[in-house]
Amino acid sequence: MSEQSNDSEYVKVFAGDVDGPEEYVGFFEDDGETGYLYVSDRAKGQIAQYVQVYRGSETLGVEEDDVRVVWSRDRTKCGVMIWGGMRGIIDVVNKREGRALILTRDTPPIGDPEWLYGFDEGPA
């Protein structure tokens, strides 16, 4: 959902999770310059962790339909998929972040099996 707030801050791309754990919400934001994946603590009402996924929004041309926020099956990791590849992951249990910083459309996505574990269709 692209939106423009009253104070003229423009959010080009915004995507939220649809199936996360009760205590957290994951969302992605592109402010027109950079793209970030965030995990917010619902009870505290504040950002718990975040990871920058790219800079240079205008050059990359990421569109809302290119972005999907997903959770691992065990709901311990939140990830953002852009152009079909995993680009950023937040591990809320171990308090760490991983990313494949997007420099161009050809930048490879995260390929480390440890980071990707739980996001695939196999057994957890």
PDB file of N, CA and C in Angstrom:
ATOM      1  N   MET A   1       0.843  -1.168   0.000  1.00  0.00           N
ATOM      2  CA  MET A   1       0.000   0.000   0.000  1.00  0.00           C
ATOM      3  C   MET A   1       0.886   1.228   0.000  1.00  0.00           C
ATOM      4  N   SER A   2       0.935   1.964  -1.055  1.00  0.00           N
ATOM      5  CA  SER A   2       1.701   3.202  -1.118  1.00  0.00           C
ATOM      6  C   SER A   2       0.863   4.303  -0.504  1.00  0.00           C
ATOM      7  N   GLU A   3       1.525   5.174   0.208  1.00  0.00           N
ATOM      8  CA  GLU A   3       0.762   6.231   0.861  1.00  0.00           C
ATOM      9  C   GLU A   3       1.600   7.484   1.023  1.00  0.00           C
ATOM     10  N   GLN A   4       0.954   8.582   1.191  1.00  0.00           N
ATOM     11  CA  GLN A   4       1.610   9.839   1.465  1.00  0.00           C
ATOM     12  C   GLN A   4       0.938  10.437   2.690  1.00  0.00           C
ATOM     13  N   SER A   5       1.750  10.725   3.717  1.00  0.00           N
ATOM     14  CA  SER A   5       1.184  11.259   4.949  1.00  0.00           C
ATOM     15  C   SER A   5       1.002  12.764   4.853  1.00  0.00           C
ATOM     16  N   ASN A   6       0.353  13.341   5.860  1.00  0.00           N
ATOM     17  CA  ASN A   6       0.070  14.774   5.864  1.00  0.00           C
ATOM     18  C   ASN A   6       1.313  15.636   5.918  1.00  0.00           C
ATOM     19  N   ASP A   7       2.431  15.101   6.494  1.00  0.00           N
ATOM     20  CA  ASP A   7       3.639  15.913   6.601  1.00  0.00           C
ATOM     21  C   ASP A   7       4.565  15.734   5.396  1.00  0.00           C
ATOM     22  N   SER A   8       4.021  15.226   4.281  1.00  0.00           N
ATOM     23  CA  SER A   8       4.713  15.088   3.004  1.00  0.00           C
ATOM     24  C   SER A   8       5.800  14.023   2.987  1.00  0.00           C
ATOM     25  N   GLU A   9       5.880  13.174   3.997  1.00  0.00           N
ATOM     26  CA  GLU A   9       6.803  12.049   3.939  1.00  0.00           C
ATOM     27  C   GLU A   9       6.188  11.014   3.008  1.00  0.00           C
ATOM     28  N   TYR A  10       6.960  10.557   2.048  1.00  0.00           N
ATOM     29  CA  TYR A  10       6.434   9.616   1.069  1.00  0.00           C
ATOM     30  C   TYR A  10       6.954   8.214   1.354  1.00  0.00           C
ATOM     31  N   VAL A  11       6.069   7.274   1.465  1.00  0.00           N
ATOM     32  CA  VAL A  11       6.422   5.874   1.613  1.00  0.00           C
ATOM     33  C   VAL A  11       6.078   5.202   0.298  1.00  0.00           C
ATOM     34  N   LYS A  12       7.109   4.820  -0.464  1.00  0.00           N
ATOM     35  CA  LYS A  12       6.907   4.255  -1.788  1.00  0.00           C
ATOM     36  C   LYS A  12       6.370   2.835  -1.727  1.00  0.00           C
ATOM     37  N   VAL A  13       6.973   2.005  -0.893  1.00  0.00           N
ATOM     38  CA  VAL A  13       6.565   0.616  -0.800  1.00  0.00           C
ATOM     39  C   VAL A  13       6.328   0.299   0.668  1.00  0.00           C
ATOM     40  N   PHE A  14       5.211  -0.326   0.946  1.00  0.00           N
ATOM     41  CA  PHE A  14       4.924  -0.736   2.311  1.00  0.00           C
ATOM     42  C   PHE A  14       4.226  -2.075   2.260  1.00  0.00           C
ATOM     43  N   ALA A  15       4.775  -3.060   2.949  1.00  0.00           N
ATOM     44  CA  ALA A  15       4.170  -4.391   2.968  1.00  0.00           C
ATOM     45  C   ALA A  15       4.233  -4.931   4.381  1.00  0.00           C
ATOM     46  N   GLY A  16       3.149  -5.521   4.846  1.00  0.00           N
ATOM     47  CA  GLY A  16       3.108  -6.111   6.173  1.00  0.00           C
ATOM     48  C   GLY A  16       2.928  -7.610   6.095  1.00  0.00           C
ATOM     49  N   ASP A  17       3.260  -8.276   7.200  1.00  0.00           N
ATOM     50  CA  ASP A  17       3.082  -9.723   7.241  1.00  0.00           C
ATOM     51  C   ASP A  17       1.608 -10.065   7.365  1.00  0.00           C
ATOM     52  N   VAL A  18       1.281 -11.296   7.029  1.00  0.00           N
ATOM     53  CA  VAL A  18      -0.107 -11.736   7.138  1.00  0.00           C
ATOM     54  C   VAL A  18      -0.260 -12.925   8.086  1.00  0.00           C
ATOM     55  N   ASP A  19       0.853 -13.512   8.515  1.00  0.00           N
ATOM     56  CA  ASP A  19       0.754 -14.726   9.306  1.00  0.00           C
ATOM     57  C   ASP A  19       1.873 -14.805  10.349  1.00  0.00           C
ATOM     58  N   GLY A  20       2.107 -13.731  11.077  1.00  0.00           N
ATOM     59  CA  GLY A  20       3.176 -13.714  12.061  1.00  0.00           C
ATOM     60  C   GLY A  20       2.727 -14.147  13.437  1.00  0.00           C
ATOM     61  N   PRO A  21       3.671 -14.203  14.368  1.00  0.00           N
ATOM     62  CA  PRO A  21       3.327 -14.577  15.740  1.00  0.00           C
ATOM     63  C   PRO A  21       2.517 -13.475  16.415  1.00  0.00           C
ATOM     64  N   GLU A  22       1.824 -13.830  17.455  1.00  0.00           N
ATOM     65  CA  GLU A  22       0.954 -12.889  18.157  1.00  0.00           C
ATOM     66  C   GLU A  22       1.713 -11.697  18.738  1.00  0.00           C
ATOM     67  N   GLU A  23       2.938 -11.919  19.227  1.00  0.00           N
ATOM     68  CA  GLU A  23       3.671 -10.858  19.921  1.00  0.00           C
ATOM     69  C   GLU A  23       4.421  -9.883  19.008  1.00  0.00           C
ATOM     70  N   TYR A  24       4.572 -10.231  17.717  1.00  0.00           N
ATOM     71  CA  TYR A  24       5.322  -9.372  16.802  1.00  0.00           C
ATOM     72  C   TYR A  24       4.544  -9.128  15.507  1.00  0.00           C
ATOM     73  N   VAL A  25       4.902  -8.056  14.835  1.00  0.00           N
ATOM     74  CA  VAL A  25       4.422  -7.800  13.481  1.00  0.00           C
ATOM     75  C   VAL A  25       5.646  -7.433  12.645  1.00  0.00           C
ATOM     76  N   GLY A  26       5.722  -8.000  11.450  1.00  0.00           N
ATOM     77  CA  GLY A  26       6.813  -7.676  10.537  1.00  0.00           C
ATOM     78  C   GLY A  26       6.299  -6.797   9.421  1.00  0.00           C
ATOM     79  N   PHE A  27       7.109  -5.825   9.013  1.00  0.00           N
ATOM     80  CA  PHE A  27       6.712  -4.984   7.883  1.00  0.00           C
ATOM     81  C   PHE A  27       7.926  -4.435   7.162  1.00  0.00           C
ATOM     82  N   PHE A  28       7.729  -4.053   5.911  1.00  0.00           N
ATOM     83  CA  PHE A  28       8.772  -3.522   5.050  1.00  0.00           C
ATOM     84  C   PHE A  28       8.387  -2.118   4.628  1.00  0.00           C
ATOM     85  N   GLU A  29       9.375  -1.244   4.575  1.00  0.00           N
ATOM     86  CA  GLU A  29       9.117   0.138   4.185  1.00  0.00           C
ATOM     87  C   GLU A  29      10.216   0.644   3.271  1.00  0.00           C
ATOM     88  N   ASP A  30       9.822   1.332   2.228  1.00  0.00           N
ATOM     89  CA  ASP A  30      10.731   2.050   1.339  1.00  0.00           C
ATOM     90  C   ASP A  30      10.332   3.517   1.430  1.00  0.00           C
ATOM     91  N   ASP A  31      11.222   4.331   1.960  1.00  0.00           N
ATOM     92  CA  ASP A  31      10.907   5.740   2.172  1.00  0.00           C
ATOM     93  C   ASP A  31      11.255   6.624   0.980  1.00  0.00           C
ATOM     94  N   GLY A  32      11.566   5.983  -0.140  1.00  0.00           N
ATOM     95  CA  GLY A  32      11.951   6.742  -1.323  1.00  0.00           C
ATOM     96  C   GLY A  32      13.455   6.809  -1.496  1.00  0.00           C
ATOM     97  N   GLU A  33      14.214   6.410  -0.458  1.00  0.00           N
ATOM     98  CA  GLU A  33      15.671   6.378  -0.516  1.00  0.00           C
ATOM     99  C   GLU A  33      16.228   5.004  -0.164  1.00  0.00           C
ATOM    100  N   THR A  34      15.674   4.382   0.885  1.00  0.00           N
ATOM    101  CA  THR A  34      16.161   3.095   1.376  1.00  0.00           C
ATOM    102  C   THR A  34      14.997   2.161   1.676  1.00  0.00           C
ATOM    103  N   GLY A  35      15.317   0.858   1.726  1.00  0.00           N
ATOM    104  CA  GLY A  35      14.317  -0.144   2.066  1.00  0.00           C
ATOM    105  C   GLY A  35      14.731  -0.887   3.324  1.00  0.00           C
ATOM    106  N   TYR A  36      13.826  -0.993   4.275  1.00  0.00           N
ATOM    107  CA  TYR A  36      14.093  -1.658   5.551  1.00  0.00           C
ATOM    108  C   TYR A  36      13.016  -2.683   5.863  1.00  0.00           C
ATOM    109  N   LEU A  37      13.438  -3.792   6.493  1.00  0.00           N
ATOM    110  CA  LEU A  37      12.537  -4.763   7.093  1.00  0.00           C
ATOM    111  C   LEU A  37      12.536  -4.488   8.589  1.00  0.00           C
ATOM    112  N   TYR A  38      11.363  -4.403   9.182  1.00  0.00           N
ATOM    113  CA  TYR A  38      11.210  -4.138  10.611  1.00  0.00           C
ATOM    114  C   TYR A  38      10.412  -5.250  11.277  1.00  0.00           C
ATOM    115  N   VAL A  39      10.719  -5.503  12.548  1.00  0.00           N
ATOM    116  CA  VAL A  39       9.868  -6.321  13.408  1.00  0.00           C
ATOM    117  C   VAL A  39       9.524  -5.452  14.604  1.00  0.00           C
ATOM    118  N   SER A  40       8.232  -5.307  14.855  1.00  0.00           N
ATOM    119  CA  SER A  40       7.751  -4.475  15.957  1.00  0.00           C
ATOM    120  C   SER A  40       7.166  -5.361  17.055  1.00  0.00           C
ATOM    121  N   ASP A  41       7.456  -4.995  18.295  1.00  0.00           N
ATOM    122  CA  ASP A  41       6.913  -5.679  19.469  1.00  0.00           C
ATOM    123  C   ASP A  41       5.528  -5.091  19.724  1.00  0.00           C
ATOM    124  N   ARG A  42       4.495  -5.904  19.597  1.00  0.00           N
ATOM    125  CA  ARG A  42       3.123  -5.407  19.734  1.00  0.00           C
ATOM    126  C   ARG A  42       2.840  -4.870  21.141  1.00  0.00           C
ATOM    127  N   ALA A  43       3.302  -5.585  22.175  1.00  0.00           N
ATOM    128  CA  ALA A  43       3.025  -5.189  23.561  1.00  0.00           C
ATOM    129  C   ALA A  43       3.689  -3.858  23.905  1.00  0.00           C
ATOM    130  N   LYS A  44       4.925  -3.666  23.446  1.00  0.00           N
ATOM    131  CA  LYS A  44       5.665  -2.430  23.742  1.00  0.00           C
ATOM    132  C   LYS A  44       5.329  -1.310  22.768  1.00  0.00           C
ATOM    133  N   GLY A  45       4.777  -1.687  21.620  1.00  0.00           N
ATOM    134  CA  GLY A  45       4.437  -0.678  20.621  1.00  0.00           C
ATOM    135  C   GLY A  45       5.656   0.008  20.046  1.00  0.00           C
ATOM    136  N   GLN A  46       6.757  -0.745  19.886  1.00  0.00           N
ATOM    137  CA  GLN A  46       7.975  -0.150  19.342  1.00  0.00           C
ATOM    138  C   GLN A  46       8.743  -1.153  18.484  1.00  0.00           C
ATOM    139  N   ILE A  47       9.642  -0.636  17.662  1.00  0.00           N
ATOM    140  CA  ILE A  47      10.459  -1.477  16.789  1.00  0.00           C
ATOM    141  C   ILE A  47      11.417  -2.284  17.664  1.00  0.00           C
ATOM    142  N   ALA A  48      11.413  -3.602  17.469  1.00  0.00           N
ATOM    143  CA  ALA A  48      12.303  -4.486  18.223  1.00  0.00           C
ATOM    144  C   ALA A  48      13.623  -4.691  17.480  1.00  0.00           C
ATOM    145  N   GLN A  49      13.550  -4.859  16.160  1.00  0.00           N
ATOM    146  CA  GLN A  49      14.735  -5.075  15.328  1.00  0.00           C
ATOM    147  C   GLN A  49      14.439  -4.586  13.916  1.00  0.00           C
ATOM    148  N   TYR A  50      15.515  -4.297  13.183  1.00  0.00           N
ATOM    149  CA  TYR A  50      15.367  -3.895  11.785  1.00  0.00           C
ATOM    150  C   TYR A  50      16.635  -4.215  11.020  1.00  0.00           C
ATOM    151  N   VAL A  51      16.501  -4.296   9.705  1.00  0.00           N
ATOM    152  CA  VAL A  51      17.650  -4.516   8.835  1.00  0.00           C
ATOM    153  C   VAL A  51      17.430  -3.750   7.534  1.00  0.00           C
ATOM    154  N   GLN A  52      18.478  -3.042   7.105  1.00  0.00           N
ATOM    155  CA  GLN A  52      18.409  -2.329   5.828  1.00  0.00           C
ATOM    156  C   GLN A  52      18.644  -3.329   4.707  1.00  0.00           C
ATOM    157  N   VAL A  53      17.795  -3.286   3.694  1.00  0.00           N
ATOM    158  CA  VAL A  53      17.864  -4.237   2.594  1.00  0.00           C
ATOM    159  C   VAL A  53      18.463  -3.590   1.338  1.00  0.00           C
ATOM    160  N   TYR A  54      18.240  -2.298   1.145  1.00  0.00           N
ATOM    161  CA  TYR A  54      18.845  -1.591   0.020  1.00  0.00           C
ATOM    162  C   TYR A  54      18.859  -0.091   0.241  1.00  0.00           C
ATOM    163  N   ARG A  55      19.700   0.560  -0.594  1.00  0.00           N
ATOM    164  CA  ARG A  55      19.734   2.015  -0.736  1.00  0.00           C
ATOM    165  C   ARG A  55      19.503   2.303  -2.223  1.00  0.00           C
ATOM    166  N   GLY A  56      19.188   3.517  -2.553  1.00  0.00           N
ATOM    167  CA  GLY A  56      19.003   3.874  -3.954  1.00  0.00           C
ATOM    168  C   GLY A  56      17.690   3.405  -4.537  1.00  0.00           C
ATOM    169  N   SER A  57      16.624   3.705  -3.831  1.00  0.00           N
ATOM    170  CA  SER A  57      15.289   3.262  -4.252  1.00  0.00           C
ATOM    171  C   SER A  57      14.956   3.634  -5.689  1.00  0.00           C
ATOM    172  N   GLU A  58      15.266   4.853  -6.074  1.00  0.00           N
ATOM    173  CA  GLU A  58      14.906   5.313  -7.422  1.00  0.00           C
ATOM    174  C   GLU A  58      15.598   4.492  -8.494  1.00  0.00           C
ATOM    175  N   THR A  59      16.849   4.126  -8.272  1.00  0.00           N
ATOM    176  CA  THR A  59      17.610   3.346  -9.244  1.00  0.00           C
ATOM    177  C   THR A  59      17.109   1.920  -9.340  1.00  0.00           C
ATOM    178  N   LEU A  60      16.787   1.305  -8.197  1.00  0.00           N
ATOM    179  CA  LEU A  60      16.374  -0.100  -8.178  1.00  0.00           C
ATOM    180  C   LEU A  60      14.962  -0.311  -8.721  1.00  0.00           C
ATOM    181  N   GLY A  61      14.064   0.600  -8.434  1.00  0.00           N
ATOM    182  CA  GLY A  61      12.700   0.500  -8.949  1.00  0.00           C
ATOM    183  C   GLY A  61      11.877  -0.621  -8.328  1.00  0.00           C
ATOM    184  N   VAL A  62      12.059  -0.875  -7.040  1.00  0.00           N
ATOM    185  CA  VAL A  62      11.254  -1.887  -6.355  1.00  0.00           C
ATOM    186  C   VAL A  62       9.824  -1.379  -6.248  1.00  0.00           C
ATOM    187  N   GLU A  63       8.883  -2.223  -6.651  1.00  0.00           N
ATOM    188  CA  GLU A  63       7.473  -1.877  -6.595  1.00  0.00           C
ATOM    189  C   GLU A  63       6.781  -2.683  -5.502  1.00  0.00           C
ATOM    190  N   GLU A  64       5.636  -2.225  -5.066  1.00  0.00           N
ATOM    191  CA  GLU A  64       4.890  -2.895  -3.998  1.00  0.00           C
ATOM    192  C   GLU A  64       4.638  -4.366  -4.305  1.00  0.00           C
ATOM    193  N   ASP A  65       4.311  -4.685  -5.536  1.00  0.00           N
ATOM    194  CA  ASP A  65       4.034  -6.067  -5.923  1.00  0.00           C
ATOM    195  C   ASP A  65       5.285  -6.955  -5.904  1.00  0.00           C
ATOM    196  N   ASP A  66       6.468  -6.357  -5.833  1.00  0.00           N
ATOM    197  CA  ASP A  66       7.723  -7.108  -5.799  1.00  0.00           C
ATOM    198  C   ASP A  66       8.073  -7.597  -4.395  1.00  0.00           C
ATOM    199  N   VAL A  67       7.359  -7.109  -3.373  1.00  0.00           N
ATOM    200  CA  VAL A  67       7.739  -7.310  -1.973  1.00  0.00           C
ATOM    201  C   VAL A  67       6.739  -8.198  -1.244  1.00  0.00           C
ATOM    202  N   ARG A  68       7.285  -9.146  -0.465  1.00  0.00           N
ATOM    203  CA  ARG A  68       6.447  -9.997   0.378  1.00  0.00           C
ATOM    204  C   ARG A  68       7.140 -10.215   1.715  1.00  0.00           C
ATOM    205  N   VAL A  69       6.454  -9.978   2.829  1.00  0.00           N
ATOM    206  CA  VAL A  69       6.977 -10.204   4.170  1.00  0.00           C
ATOM    207  C   VAL A  69       6.442 -11.542   4.659  1.00  0.00           C
ATOM    208  N   VAL A  70       7.358 -12.421   5.102  1.00  0.00           N
ATOM    209  CA  VAL A  70       6.993 -13.783   5.498  1.00  0.00           C
ATOM    210  C   VAL A  70       7.648 -14.149   6.829  1.00  0.00           C
ATOM    211  N   TRP A  71       7.064 -15.129   7.496  1.00  0.00           N
ATOM    212  CA  TRP A  71       7.625 -15.672   8.741  1.00  0.00           C
ATOM    213  C   TRP A  71       8.007 -17.128   8.524  1.00  0.00           C
ATOM    214  N   SER A  72       9.040 -17.570   9.240  1.00  0.00           N
ATOM    215  CA  SER A  72       9.400 -18.987   9.217  1.00  0.00           C
ATOM    216  C   SER A  72       8.268 -19.778   9.858  1.00  0.00           C
ATOM    217  N   ARG A  73       8.224 -21.069   9.563  1.00  0.00           N
ATOM    218  CA  ARG A  73       7.143 -21.910  10.088  1.00  0.00           C
ATOM    219  C   ARG A  73       7.056 -21.872  11.611  1.00  0.00           C
ATOM    220  N   ASP A  74       8.202 -21.800  12.294  1.00  0.00           N
ATOM    221  CA  ASP A  74       8.183 -21.772  13.766  1.00  0.00           C
ATOM    222  C   ASP A  74       8.000 -20.359  14.319  1.00  0.00           C
ATOM    223  N   ARG A  75       7.827 -19.369  13.441  1.00  0.00           N
ATOM    224  CA  ARG A  75       7.553 -17.972  13.808  1.00  0.00           C
ATOM    225  C   ARG A  75       8.686 -17.322  14.604  1.00  0.00           C
ATOM    226  N   THR A  76       9.942 -17.777  14.362  1.00  0.00           N
ATOM    227  CA  THR A  76      11.090 -17.183  15.055  1.00  0.00           C
ATOM    228  C   THR A  76      11.869 -16.222  14.169  1.00  0.00           C
ATOM    229  N   LYS A  77      11.633 -16.283  12.837  1.00  0.00           N
ATOM    230  CA  LYS A  77      12.349 -15.425  11.898  1.00  0.00           C
ATOM    231  C   LYS A  77      11.352 -14.769  10.942  1.00  0.00           C
ATOM    232  N   CYS A  78      11.578 -13.494  10.703  1.00  0.00           N
ATOM    233  CA  CYS A  78      10.776 -12.738   9.749  1.00  0.00           C
ATOM    234  C   CYS A  78      11.678 -12.397   8.565  1.00  0.00           C
ATOM    235  N   GLY A  79      11.169 -12.582   7.357  1.00  0.00           N
ATOM    236  CA  GLY A  79      11.966 -12.301   6.174  1.00  0.00           C
ATOM    237  C   GLY A  79      11.227 -11.438   5.181  1.00  0.00           C
ATOM    238  N   VAL A  80      12.010 -10.813   4.304  1.00  0.00           N
ATOM    239  CA  VAL A  80      11.413 -10.058   3.207  1.00  0.00           C
ATOM    240  C   VAL A  80      11.934 -10.629   1.904  1.00  0.00           C
ATOM    241  N   MET A  81      10.972 -10.972   1.047  1.00  0.00           N
ATOM    242  CA  MET A  81      11.295 -11.456  -0.286  1.00  0.00           C
ATOM    243  C   MET A  81      11.034 -10.327  -1.277  1.00  0.00           C
ATOM    244  N   ILE A  82      12.029 -10.077  -2.130  1.00  0.00           N
ATOM    245  CA  ILE A  82      11.905  -9.063  -3.172  1.00  0.00           C
ATOM    246  C   ILE A  82      12.322  -9.728  -4.476  1.00  0.00           C
ATOM    247  N   TRP A  83      11.503  -9.592  -5.487  1.00  0.00           N
ATOM    248  CA  TRP A  83      11.724 -10.230  -6.788  1.00  0.00           C
ATOM    249  C   TRP A  83      11.885 -11.739  -6.620  1.00  0.00           C
ATOM    250  N   GLY A  84      11.160 -12.322  -5.689  1.00  0.00           N
ATOM    251  CA  GLY A  84      11.156 -13.769  -5.511  1.00  0.00           C
ATOM    252  C   GLY A  84      12.300 -14.350  -4.706  1.00  0.00           C
ATOM    253  N   GLY A  85      13.241 -13.524  -4.255  1.00  0.00           N
ATOM    254  CA  GLY A  85      14.379 -14.003  -3.465  1.00  0.00           C
ATOM    255  C   GLY A  85      14.378 -13.403  -2.070  1.00  0.00           C
ATOM    256  N   MET A  86      14.857 -14.163  -1.095  1.00  0.00           N
ATOM    257  CA  MET A  86      14.948 -13.669   0.281  1.00  0.00           C
ATOM    258  C   MET A  86      16.079 -12.648   0.375  1.00  0.00           C
ATOM    259  N   ARG A  87      15.751 -11.448   0.822  1.00  0.00           N
ATOM    260  CA  ARG A  87      16.727 -10.352   0.839  1.00  0.00           C
ATOM    261  C   ARG A  87      17.124  -9.907   2.235  1.00  0.00           C
ATOM    262  N   GLY A  88      16.249 -10.110   3.211  1.00  0.00           N
ATOM    263  CA  GLY A  88      16.568  -9.741   4.590  1.00  0.00           C
ATOM    264  C   GLY A  88      15.824 -10.648   5.549  1.00  0.00           C
ATOM    265  N   ILE A  89      16.489 -11.006   6.666  1.00  0.00           N
ATOM    266  CA  ILE A  89      15.879 -11.874   7.662  1.00  0.00           C
ATOM    267  C   ILE A  89      16.197 -11.340   9.047  1.00  0.00           C
ATOM    268  N   ILE A  90      15.188 -11.318   9.904  1.00  0.00           N
ATOM    269  CA  ILE A  90      15.364 -10.946  11.304  1.00  0.00           C
ATOM    270  C   ILE A  90      15.031 -12.165  12.153  1.00  0.00           C
ATOM    271  N   ASP A  91      16.010 -12.608  12.943  1.00  0.00           N
ATOM    272  CA  ASP A  91      15.844 -13.729  13.873  1.00  0.00           C
ATOM    273  C   ASP A  91      15.507 -13.110  15.228  1.00  0.00           C
ATOM    274  N   VAL A  92      14.235 -13.152  15.608  1.00  0.00           N
ATOM    275  CA  VAL A  92      13.803 -12.482  16.836  1.00  0.00           C
ATOM    276  C   VAL A  92      14.233 -13.234  18.095  1.00  0.00           C
ATOM    277  N   VAL A  93      14.445 -14.540  17.994  1.00  0.00           N
ATOM    278  CA  VAL A  93      14.857 -15.324  19.161  1.00  0.00           C
ATOM    279  C   VAL A  93      16.319 -15.064  19.506  1.00  0.00           C
ATOM    280  N   ASN A  94      17.177 -15.092  18.476  1.00  0.00           N
ATOM    281  CA  ASN A  94      18.613 -14.910  18.698  1.00  0.00           C
ATOM    282  C   ASN A  94      19.075 -13.469  18.530  1.00  0.00           C
ATOM    283  N   LYS A  95      18.123 -12.565  18.287  1.00  0.00           N
ATOM    284  CA  LYS A  95      18.417 -11.129  18.168  1.00  0.00           C
ATOM    285  C   LYS A  95      19.528 -10.852  17.152  1.00  0.00           C
ATOM    286  N   ARG A  96      19.346 -11.348  15.931  1.00  0.00           N
ATOM    287  CA  ARG A  96      20.321 -11.084  14.876  1.00  0.00           C
ATOM    288  C   ARG A  96      19.615 -10.836  13.559  1.00  0.00           C
ATOM    289  N   GLU A  97      20.328 -10.177  12.656  1.00  0.00           N
ATOM    290  CA  GLU A  97      19.783  -9.820  11.363  1.00  0.00           C
ATOM    291  C   GLU A  97      20.726 -10.296  10.272  1.00  0.00           C
ATOM    292  N   GLY A  98      20.166 -10.732   9.150  1.00  0.00           N
ATOM    293  CA  GLY A  98      20.959 -11.126   7.996  1.00  0.00           C
ATOM    294  C   GLY A  98      20.370 -10.497   6.751  1.00  0.00           C
ATOM    295  N   ARG A  99      21.231 -10.250   5.778  1.00  0.00           N
ATOM    296  CA  ARG A  99      20.725  -9.632   4.551  1.00  0.00           C
ATOM    297  C   ARG A  99      21.631  -9.944   3.377  1.00  0.00           C
ATOM    298  N   ALA A 100      21.075  -9.774   2.199  1.00  0.00           N
ATOM    299  CA  ALA A 100      21.813  -9.739   0.946  1.00  0.00           C
ATOM    300  C   ALA A 100      21.533  -8.336   0.410  1.00  0.00           C
ATOM    301  N   LEU A 101      22.377  -7.375   0.772  1.00  0.00           N
ATOM    302  CA  LEU A 101      22.164  -5.980   0.393  1.00  0.00           C
ATOM    303  C   LEU A 101      22.010  -5.866  -1.120  1.00  0.00           C
ATOM    304  N   ILE A 102      20.861  -5.384  -1.552  1.00  0.00           N
ATOM    305  CA  ILE A 102      20.576  -5.281  -2.981  1.00  0.00           C
ATOM    306  C   ILE A 102      21.283  -4.060  -3.555  1.00  0.00           C
ATOM    307  N   LEU A 103      22.164  -4.319  -4.531  1.00  0.00           N
ATOM    308  CA  LEU A 103      22.848  -3.246  -5.233  1.00  0.00           C
ATOM    309  C   LEU A 103      22.253  -3.046  -6.623  1.00  0.00           C
ATOM    310  N   THR A 104      21.830  -4.160  -7.241  1.00  0.00           N
ATOM    311  CA  THR A 104      21.171  -4.143  -8.548  1.00  0.00           C
ATOM    312  C   THR A 104      20.133  -5.264  -8.547  1.00  0.00           C
ATOM    313  N   ARG A 105      19.322  -5.338  -9.582  1.00  0.00           N
ATOM    314  CA  ARG A 105      18.338  -6.428  -9.698  1.00  0.00           C
ATOM    315  C   ARG A 105      19.020  -7.794  -9.778  1.00  0.00           C
ATOM    316  N   ASP A 106      20.286  -7.819 -10.179  1.00  0.00           N
ATOM    317  CA  ASP A 106      21.032  -9.068 -10.312  1.00  0.00           C
ATOM    318  C   ASP A 106      21.712  -9.516  -9.018  1.00  0.00           C
ATOM    319  N   THR A 107      21.628  -8.732  -7.954  1.00  0.00           N
ATOM    320  CA  THR A 107      22.248  -9.127  -6.692  1.00  0.00           C
ATOM    321  C   THR A 107      21.605 -10.432  -6.217  1.00  0.00           C
ATOM    322  N   PRO A 108      22.431 -11.453  -5.950  1.00  0.00           N
ATOM    323  CA  PRO A 108      21.859 -12.730  -5.495  1.00  0.00           C
ATOM    324  C   PRO A 108      21.174 -12.589  -4.134  1.00  0.00           C
ATOM    325  N   PRO A 109      20.102 -13.363  -3.921  1.00  0.00           N
ATOM    326  CA  PRO A 109      19.420 -13.345  -2.621  1.00  0.00           C
ATOM    327  C   PRO A 109      20.225 -14.120  -1.580  1.00  0.00           C
ATOM    328  N   ILE A 110      19.751 -14.123  -0.345  1.00  0.00           N
ATOM    329  CA  ILE A 110      20.374 -14.902   0.714  1.00  0.00           C
ATOM    330  C   ILE A 110      20.353 -16.367   0.291  1.00  0.00           C
ATOM    331  N   GLY A 111      21.501 -17.036   0.425  1.00  0.00           N
ATOM    332  CA  GLY A 111      21.597 -18.427   0.029  1.00  0.00           C
ATOM    333  C   GLY A 111      21.997 -19.356   1.164  1.00  0.00           C
ATOM    334  N   ASP A 112      22.333 -18.802   2.321  1.00  0.00           N
ATOM    335  CA  ASP A 112      22.787 -19.599   3.456  1.00  0.00           C
ATOM    336  C   ASP A 112      21.644 -20.457   3.998  1.00  0.00           C
ATOM    337  N   PRO A 113      21.808 -21.790   3.998  1.00  0.00           N
ATOM    338  CA  PRO A 113      20.740 -22.686   4.460  1.00  0.00           C
ATOM    339  C   PRO A 113      20.322 -22.446   5.916  1.00  0.00           C
ATOM    340  N   GLU A 114      21.264 -22.037   6.757  1.00  0.00           N
ATOM    341  CA  GLU A 114      20.918 -21.764   8.162  1.00  0.00           C
ATOM    342  C   GLU A 114      19.925 -20.608   8.266  1.00  0.00           C
ATOM    343  N   TRP A 115      20.175 -19.550   7.517  1.00  0.00           N
ATOM    344  CA  TRP A 115      19.266 -18.404   7.536  1.00  0.00           C
ATOM    345  C   TRP A 115      17.921 -18.753   6.916  1.00  0.00           C
ATOM    346  N   LEU A 116      17.936 -19.547   5.861  1.00  0.00           N
ATOM    347  CA  LEU A 116      16.715 -19.877   5.133  1.00  0.00           C
ATOM    348  C   LEU A 116      15.907 -21.000   5.788  1.00  0.00           C
ATOM    349  N   TYR A 117      16.495 -21.697   6.745  1.00  0.00           N
ATOM    350  CA  TYR A 117      15.819 -22.818   7.383  1.00  0.00           C
ATOM    351  C   TYR A 117      14.484 -22.365   7.995  1.00  0.00           C
ATOM    352  N   GLY A 118      13.448 -23.120   7.677  1.00  0.00           N
ATOM    353  CA  GLY A 118      12.119 -22.802   8.203  1.00  0.00           C
ATOM    354  C   GLY A 118      11.246 -22.032   7.225  1.00  0.00           C
ATOM    355  N   PHE A 119      11.852 -21.410   6.218  1.00  0.00           N
ATOM    356  CA  PHE A 119      11.069 -20.680   5.232  1.00  0.00           C
ATOM    357  C   PHE A 119      10.670 -21.578   4.069  1.00  0.00           C
ATOM    358  N   ASP A 120      11.319 -22.724   3.929  1.00  0.00           N
ATOM    359  CA  ASP A 120      11.024 -23.638   2.822  1.00  0.00           C
ATOM    360  C   ASP A 120       9.777 -24.459   3.150  1.00  0.00           C
ATOM    361  N   GLU A 121       9.418 -25.337   2.242  1.00  0.00           N
ATOM    362  CA  GLU A 121       8.205 -26.123   2.395  1.00  0.00           C
ATOM    363  C   GLU A 121       8.436 -27.453   3.103  1.00  0.00           C
ATOM    364  N   GLY A 122       9.695 -27.807   3.408  1.00  0.00           N
ATOM    365  CA  GLY A 122      10.004 -29.081   4.051  1.00  0.00           C
ATOM    366  C   GLY A 122       9.687 -29.064   5.534  1.00  0.00           C
ATOM    367  N   PRO A 123       9.956 -30.167   6.245  1.00  0.00           N
ATOM    368  CA  PRO A 123       9.666 -30.249   7.672  1.00  0.00           C
ATOM    369  C   PRO A 123      10.539 -29.317   8.496  1.00  0.00           C
ATOM    370  N   ALA A 124       9.992 -28.786   9.569  1.00  0.00           N
ATOM    371  CA  ALA A 124      10.755 -27.857  10.425  1.00  0.00           C
ATOM    372  C   ALA A 124      11.701 -28.619  11.315  1.00  0.00           C
TER     373      ALA A 124
END
